[in-house]
């Protein structure tokens, strides 16, 4: 990712993930949370491991894919070490220990795709790639 004006170094423990049918909520220690309504994927050592659009699909498995369960298994106990927004596109990257990277992509030119809170401020990934600070 190119250098960014929105970048934070942390050491916050991943606590939980929830999905309400529309928004994904990623919770970390230190009051850090990320809410996502668009497309995300989890990389493990640079390779695609999970993709948000797979949630609920069966793919010939015994039961539908439950990404809340899968993410919990992979991420709980890992630490968020950097949160960075791409200055050109607004895409968000959360780098964690264990070789994990959560990539969140701006999914609309008109609607907000994500919001994250850190260090007492909220940041919103706006349609078209701008980042608003609230």
Protein backbone atom coordinates (compact mmCIF):
# COMPACT_ATOMS: atom_id res chain seq x y z
CA UNK A 1 0.00 0.00 0.00
CA UNK A 2 1.24 3.53 -0.64
CA UNK A 3 2.17 5.74 2.30
CA UNK A 4 -0.83 7.05 4.16
CA UNK A 5 -1.71 9.97 6.37
CA UNK A 6 -4.10 7.64 8.24
CA UNK A 7 -1.89 5.02 9.87
CA UNK A 8 -1.65 3.76 13.43
CA UNK A 9 0.78 1.43 15.15
CA UNK A 10 -0.87 -0.60 17.90
CA UNK A 11 -0.49 -3.73 19.97
CA UNK A 12 -4.18 -4.43 20.58
CA UNK A 13 -5.59 -7.89 21.13
CA UNK A 14 -8.30 -9.09 18.72
CA UNK A 15 -11.38 -9.71 20.86
CA UNK A 16 -14.32 -10.65 18.66
CA UNK A 17 -16.14 -10.50 15.36
CA UNK A 18 -19.89 -10.20 14.85
CA UNK A 19 -22.12 -10.07 11.78
CA UNK A 20 -25.69 -8.75 11.88
CA UNK A 21 -26.59 -9.64 8.30
CA UNK A 22 -25.30 -6.32 6.96
CA UNK A 23 -22.35 -5.05 9.04
CA UNK A 24 -19.27 -6.86 10.23
CA UNK A 25 -17.94 -5.68 13.61
CA UNK A 26 -14.29 -6.37 14.48
CA UNK A 27 -13.43 -5.58 18.12
CA UNK A 28 -9.93 -5.07 19.52
CA UNK A 29 -8.56 -3.99 22.90
CA UNK A 30 -7.99 -0.31 23.65
CA UNK A 31 -11.44 0.66 22.32
CA UNK A 32 -10.45 -0.05 18.72
CA UNK A 33 -13.30 -1.28 16.56
CA UNK A 34 -13.89 -1.59 12.85
CA UNK A 35 -17.36 -1.73 11.28
CA UNK A 36 -17.58 -2.91 7.66
CA UNK A 37 -20.56 -3.03 5.30
CA UNK A 38 -18.55 -3.84 2.19
CA UNK A 39 -16.16 -6.44 0.86
CA UNK A 40 -13.23 -7.68 2.95
CA UNK A 41 -10.79 -10.53 2.82
CA UNK A 42 -8.37 -12.10 5.27
CA UNK A 43 -4.86 -12.93 4.08
CA UNK A 44 -2.62 -15.44 5.80
CA UNK A 45 1.05 -14.97 4.91
CA UNK A 46 -0.01 -12.95 1.85
CA UNK A 47 -2.47 -15.54 0.49
CA UNK A 48 -6.26 -15.23 0.49
CA UNK A 49 -7.66 -17.24 3.40
CA UNK A 50 -11.24 -15.95 3.85
CA UNK A 51 -13.50 -13.68 1.78
CA UNK A 52 -16.58 -11.92 3.20
CA UNK A 53 -18.76 -12.82 0.22
CA UNK A 54 -18.37 -16.54 1.09
CA UNK A 55 -20.35 -16.18 4.34
CA UNK A 56 -23.44 -18.41 4.32
CA UNK A 57 -22.53 -20.32 1.15
CA UNK A 58 -22.26 -24.09 1.35
CA UNK A 59 -19.77 -24.86 -1.47
CA UNK A 60 -20.48 -28.61 -1.15
CA UNK A 61 -19.47 -28.57 2.53
CA UNK A 62 -21.55 -30.29 5.22
CA UNK A 63 -22.90 -26.89 6.36
CA UNK A 64 -22.80 -23.27 5.12
CA UNK A 65 -19.62 -21.29 5.74
CA UNK A 66 -19.82 -19.40 9.04
CA UNK A 67 -17.18 -16.69 8.80
CA UNK A 68 -17.82 -15.50 12.34
CA UNK A 69 -16.69 -18.93 13.54
CA UNK A 70 -13.82 -19.15 11.04
CA UNK A 71 -12.55 -15.65 11.81
CA UNK A 72 -12.79 -16.28 15.54
CA UNK A 73 -10.68 -19.44 15.19
CA UNK A 74 -8.00 -17.60 13.19
CA UNK A 75 -7.93 -14.17 14.84
CA UNK A 76 -8.78 -14.41 18.54
CA UNK A 77 -5.52 -14.14 20.44
CA UNK A 78 -3.74 -12.31 17.60
CA UNK A 79 -2.70 -8.68 17.98
CA UNK A 80 -3.44 -5.76 15.70
CA UNK A 81 -0.07 -4.18 14.97
CA UNK A 82 -1.00 -1.64 12.30
CA UNK A 83 -4.14 -0.04 10.91
CA UNK A 84 -3.57 1.87 7.66
CA UNK A 85 -5.82 3.50 5.06
CA UNK A 86 -4.59 3.75 1.48
CA UNK A 87 -4.35 7.45 0.66
CA UNK A 88 -5.32 6.93 -3.01
CA UNK A 89 -8.26 4.53 -2.68
CA UNK A 90 -9.33 4.69 0.98
CA UNK A 91 -9.00 0.89 1.27
CA UNK A 92 -8.19 -0.17 4.82
CA UNK A 93 -5.55 -2.68 5.89
CA UNK A 94 -5.35 -4.17 9.40
CA UNK A 95 -2.09 -6.06 9.93
CA UNK A 96 -2.07 -8.59 12.74
CA UNK A 97 0.38 -11.02 14.26
CA UNK A 98 0.34 -14.59 12.98
CA UNK A 99 0.84 -13.43 9.39
CA UNK A 100 -2.76 -12.16 9.16
CA UNK A 101 -3.91 -9.11 7.22
CA UNK A 102 -7.52 -7.97 7.01
CA UNK A 103 -8.08 -5.98 3.80
CA UNK A 104 -11.24 -3.87 3.55
CA UNK A 105 -12.08 -2.43 0.15
CA UNK A 106 -14.14 0.65 -0.66
CA UNK A 107 -17.22 -0.94 -2.22
CA UNK A 108 -19.17 2.08 -3.46
CA UNK A 109 -18.65 5.48 -5.02
CA UNK A 110 -21.63 6.86 -3.07
CA UNK A 111 -21.92 5.05 0.26
CA UNK A 112 -19.63 4.64 3.24
CA UNK A 113 -17.95 1.21 3.37
CA UNK A 114 -16.33 1.19 6.79
CA UNK A 115 -15.85 3.10 9.99
CA UNK A 116 -13.16 2.58 12.56
CA UNK A 117 -12.47 4.14 15.92
CA UNK A 118 -9.01 4.54 17.39
CA UNK A 119 -7.28 7.04 19.67
CA UNK A 120 -10.57 8.79 20.48
CA UNK A 121 -11.50 9.58 16.87
CA UNK A 122 -13.67 7.91 14.24
CA UNK A 123 -12.66 7.53 10.62
CA UNK A 124 -15.14 6.81 7.83
CA UNK A 125 -14.27 5.24 4.47
CA UNK A 126 -16.44 7.39 2.20
CA UNK A 127 -17.79 6.52 -1.21
CA UNK A 128 -15.15 7.11 -3.83
CA UNK A 129 -12.21 6.60 -1.45
CA UNK A 130 -12.09 9.69 0.74
CA UNK A 131 -11.65 9.32 4.48
CA UNK A 132 -13.66 11.51 6.83
CA UNK A 133 -12.52 12.14 10.40
CA UNK A 134 -15.35 12.54 12.92
